[in-house]
C-alpha cells in the first residue's frame, strides 16, 4: 500500500525525490504518513481536496478483507 501511495504522489509533484511514505501501526489502524515538499502540498491535496480525497478512498477500500483500517495523513517537509 505504501508503494501505491508513493507512486501516485511521485507523479503529482514537481520534486519526486522528496516524497516519503512512513507506515505507522496503531492497533487495528495503519497510518500512512505522506511527506512532500512545501511547494508540492497543493498538488497532492488538489482543488478543494479532491486529489487527497481520492487517494484516501483508495487506501480505505484496500484492507477491507483483512479487517484493518488505513488512514492517509499528508505532512510537509520543512
N, C-alpha and C. Protein backbone atom coordinates (compact mmCIF):
# COMPACT_ATOMS: atom_id res chain seq x y z
N UNK A 1 0.82 -1.18 0.00
CA UNK A 1 0.00 0.00 0.00
C UNK A 1 0.87 1.25 0.00
N UNK A 2 1.95 1.24 0.75
CA UNK A 2 2.86 2.37 0.78
C UNK A 2 3.47 2.65 -0.58
N UNK A 3 3.73 1.58 -1.33
CA UNK A 3 4.29 1.74 -2.68
C UNK A 3 3.28 2.43 -3.60
N UNK A 4 2.02 2.10 -3.46
CA UNK A 4 0.97 2.72 -4.28
C UNK A 4 0.87 4.21 -3.96
N UNK A 5 0.89 4.56 -2.69
CA UNK A 5 0.82 5.97 -2.30
C UNK A 5 2.02 6.73 -2.84
N UNK A 6 3.20 6.15 -2.71
CA UNK A 6 4.41 6.79 -3.20
C UNK A 6 4.36 6.96 -4.72
N UNK A 7 3.89 5.96 -5.44
CA UNK A 7 3.78 6.02 -6.89
C UNK A 7 2.86 7.16 -7.32
N UNK A 8 1.69 7.25 -6.69
CA UNK A 8 0.74 8.30 -7.04
C UNK A 8 1.32 9.68 -6.74
N UNK A 9 1.93 9.83 -5.57
CA UNK A 9 2.46 11.13 -5.17
C UNK A 9 3.62 11.56 -6.05
N UNK A 10 4.50 10.64 -6.40
CA UNK A 10 5.66 11.00 -7.24
C UNK A 10 5.24 11.51 -8.61
N UNK A 11 4.10 11.05 -9.11
CA UNK A 11 3.63 11.50 -10.42
C UNK A 11 2.84 12.80 -10.34
N UNK A 12 2.59 13.28 -9.14
CA UNK A 12 1.85 14.53 -8.97
C UNK A 12 2.76 15.72 -8.67
N UNK A 13 3.88 15.49 -8.07
CA UNK A 13 4.71 16.57 -7.54
C UNK A 13 5.81 16.98 -8.51
N UNK A 14 6.38 18.17 -8.25
CA UNK A 14 7.49 18.65 -9.07
C UNK A 14 8.84 18.20 -8.52
N UNK A 15 8.88 17.78 -7.25
CA UNK A 15 10.11 17.29 -6.64
C UNK A 15 9.90 15.86 -6.11
N UNK A 16 9.89 14.88 -7.03
CA UNK A 16 9.58 13.49 -6.63
C UNK A 16 10.62 12.87 -5.70
N UNK A 17 11.84 13.40 -5.68
CA UNK A 17 12.87 12.83 -4.81
C UNK A 17 12.58 13.06 -3.34
N UNK A 18 11.73 14.03 -3.03
CA UNK A 18 11.43 14.35 -1.64
C UNK A 18 10.17 13.67 -1.11
N UNK A 19 9.56 12.83 -1.92
CA UNK A 19 8.36 12.11 -1.47
C UNK A 19 8.77 10.95 -0.58
N UNK A 20 8.16 10.87 0.59
CA UNK A 20 8.43 9.78 1.53
C UNK A 20 7.11 9.29 2.10
N UNK A 21 7.02 7.99 2.30
CA UNK A 21 5.84 7.40 2.92
C UNK A 21 6.30 6.58 4.12
N UNK A 22 5.76 6.90 5.28
CA UNK A 22 6.05 6.16 6.51
C UNK A 22 4.80 5.44 6.96
N UNK A 23 4.97 4.20 7.38
CA UNK A 23 3.84 3.38 7.84
C UNK A 23 3.93 3.26 9.36
N UNK A 24 2.81 3.58 10.03
CA UNK A 24 2.75 3.50 11.49
C UNK A 24 1.54 2.65 11.86
N UNK A 25 1.76 1.58 12.61
CA UNK A 25 0.67 0.72 13.07
C UNK A 25 0.20 1.19 14.43
N UNK A 26 -1.10 1.41 14.54
CA UNK A 26 -1.71 1.81 15.81
C UNK A 26 -2.90 0.89 16.06
N UNK A 27 -2.62 -0.26 16.62
CA UNK A 27 -3.67 -1.24 16.87
C UNK A 27 -4.21 -1.79 15.56
N UNK A 28 -5.51 -1.63 15.33
CA UNK A 28 -6.12 -2.12 14.09
C UNK A 28 -6.12 -1.08 12.99
N UNK A 29 -5.44 0.05 13.23
CA UNK A 29 -5.37 1.13 12.26
C UNK A 29 -3.94 1.28 11.77
N UNK A 30 -3.78 1.34 10.46
CA UNK A 30 -2.48 1.60 9.86
C UNK A 30 -2.52 3.02 9.30
N UNK A 31 -1.58 3.84 9.75
CA UNK A 31 -1.50 5.23 9.30
C UNK A 31 -0.33 5.35 8.33
N UNK A 32 -0.62 5.87 7.15
CA UNK A 32 0.42 6.15 6.16
C UNK A 32 0.65 7.65 6.16
N UNK A 33 1.87 8.06 6.48
CA UNK A 33 2.22 9.47 6.51
C UNK A 33 2.95 9.81 5.22
N UNK A 34 2.33 10.62 4.38
CA UNK A 34 2.90 11.04 3.11
C UNK A 34 3.57 12.39 3.31
N UNK A 35 4.89 12.44 3.12
CA UNK A 35 5.65 13.68 3.27
C UNK A 35 6.05 14.18 1.89
N UNK A 36 5.74 15.45 1.63
CA UNK A 36 6.11 16.08 0.36
C UNK A 36 6.70 17.46 0.66
N UNK A 37 7.38 18.04 -0.33
CA UNK A 37 7.94 19.38 -0.17
C UNK A 37 6.81 20.39 -0.02
N UNK A 38 7.12 21.51 0.61
CA UNK A 38 6.12 22.53 0.89
C UNK A 38 5.44 23.02 -0.38
N UNK A 39 6.19 23.23 -1.45
CA UNK A 39 5.60 23.74 -2.69
C UNK A 39 4.75 22.71 -3.42
N UNK A 40 4.82 21.45 -3.02
CA UNK A 40 4.02 20.40 -3.66
C UNK A 40 2.76 20.05 -2.89
N UNK A 41 2.54 20.68 -1.74
CA UNK A 41 1.36 20.37 -0.94
C UNK A 41 0.07 20.58 -1.73
N UNK A 42 -0.01 21.69 -2.46
CA UNK A 42 -1.21 21.98 -3.24
C UNK A 42 -1.47 20.97 -4.32
N UNK A 43 -0.42 20.45 -4.93
CA UNK A 43 -0.58 19.44 -5.99
C UNK A 43 -1.12 18.13 -5.43
N UNK A 44 -0.65 17.75 -4.26
CA UNK A 44 -1.07 16.49 -3.66
C UNK A 44 -2.50 16.60 -3.10
N UNK A 45 -2.81 17.74 -2.53
CA UNK A 45 -4.15 17.93 -1.96
C UNK A 45 -5.17 18.15 -3.06
N UNK A 46 -4.82 18.93 -4.08
CA UNK A 46 -5.73 19.17 -5.21
C UNK A 46 -6.75 20.24 -4.90
N UNK A 47 -7.50 20.60 -5.92
CA UNK A 47 -8.54 21.62 -5.76
C UNK A 47 -9.63 21.11 -4.84
N UNK A 48 -9.91 21.90 -3.83
CA UNK A 48 -10.92 21.58 -2.83
C UNK A 48 -10.68 20.20 -2.19
N UNK A 49 -9.43 19.75 -2.19
CA UNK A 49 -9.08 18.49 -1.55
C UNK A 49 -9.47 17.24 -2.32
N UNK A 50 -9.77 17.40 -3.60
CA UNK A 50 -10.25 16.25 -4.38
C UNK A 50 -9.19 15.17 -4.56
N UNK A 51 -7.94 15.56 -4.81
CA UNK A 51 -6.88 14.57 -5.02
C UNK A 51 -6.62 13.79 -3.74
N UNK A 52 -6.54 14.49 -2.63
CA UNK A 52 -6.32 13.83 -1.33
C UNK A 52 -7.49 12.91 -1.00
N UNK A 53 -8.70 13.35 -1.29
CA UNK A 53 -9.88 12.53 -1.01
C UNK A 53 -9.88 11.27 -1.85
N UNK A 54 -9.46 11.38 -3.11
CA UNK A 54 -9.40 10.21 -3.99
C UNK A 54 -8.35 9.21 -3.50
N UNK A 55 -7.20 9.71 -3.08
CA UNK A 55 -6.15 8.83 -2.56
C UNK A 55 -6.62 8.14 -1.28
N UNK A 56 -7.30 8.88 -0.42
CA UNK A 56 -7.79 8.30 0.84
C UNK A 56 -8.85 7.25 0.59
N UNK A 57 -9.67 7.47 -0.42
CA UNK A 57 -10.71 6.49 -0.74
C UNK A 57 -10.10 5.18 -1.22
N UNK A 58 -9.07 5.25 -2.04
CA UNK A 58 -8.37 4.04 -2.49
C UNK A 58 -7.75 3.30 -1.31
N UNK A 59 -7.16 4.04 -0.41
CA UNK A 59 -6.50 3.42 0.74
C UNK A 59 -7.50 2.78 1.68
N UNK A 60 -8.65 3.42 1.87
CA UNK A 60 -9.68 2.86 2.75
C UNK A 60 -10.26 1.57 2.20
N UNK A 61 -10.37 1.45 0.88
CA UNK A 61 -11.02 0.29 0.27
C UNK A 61 -10.12 -0.95 0.27
N UNK A 62 -8.83 -0.78 0.27
CA UNK A 62 -7.91 -1.90 0.10
C UNK A 62 -7.94 -2.94 1.23
N UNK A 63 -7.89 -2.57 2.50
CA UNK A 63 -7.73 -3.60 3.54
C UNK A 63 -9.04 -4.14 4.12
N UNK A 64 -10.13 -3.99 3.44
CA UNK A 64 -11.42 -4.42 3.98
C UNK A 64 -11.42 -5.90 4.33
N UNK A 65 -10.83 -6.73 3.48
CA UNK A 65 -10.84 -8.17 3.73
C UNK A 65 -9.99 -8.55 4.94
N UNK A 66 -9.03 -7.72 5.31
CA UNK A 66 -8.16 -8.02 6.45
C UNK A 66 -8.74 -7.54 7.77
N UNK A 67 -9.82 -6.79 7.74
CA UNK A 67 -10.41 -6.27 8.97
C UNK A 67 -9.62 -5.13 9.57
N UNK A 68 -8.79 -4.48 8.78
CA UNK A 68 -7.99 -3.35 9.24
C UNK A 68 -8.52 -2.06 8.65
N UNK A 69 -8.10 -0.96 9.22
CA UNK A 69 -8.47 0.35 8.71
C UNK A 69 -7.18 1.08 8.36
N UNK A 70 -7.15 1.74 7.21
CA UNK A 70 -5.98 2.51 6.79
C UNK A 70 -6.36 3.98 6.69
N UNK A 71 -5.41 4.83 7.10
CA UNK A 71 -5.61 6.26 7.09
C UNK A 71 -4.41 6.91 6.41
N UNK A 72 -4.66 7.96 5.62
CA UNK A 72 -3.60 8.71 4.97
C UNK A 72 -3.50 10.09 5.60
N UNK A 73 -2.30 10.45 6.04
CA UNK A 73 -2.02 11.78 6.55
C UNK A 73 -0.97 12.41 5.65
N UNK A 74 -1.20 13.65 5.24
CA UNK A 74 -0.27 14.36 4.37
C UNK A 74 0.45 15.40 5.21
N UNK A 75 1.78 15.32 5.25
CA UNK A 75 2.60 16.25 6.04
C UNK A 75 3.62 16.88 5.12
N UNK A 76 4.05 18.10 5.44
CA UNK A 76 5.04 18.76 4.61
C UNK A 76 6.42 18.65 5.24
N UNK A 77 7.41 18.63 4.40
CA UNK A 77 8.80 18.59 4.83
C UNK A 77 9.27 20.02 5.01
N UNK A 78 9.91 20.33 6.11
CA UNK A 78 10.41 21.69 6.35
C UNK A 78 11.77 21.88 5.75
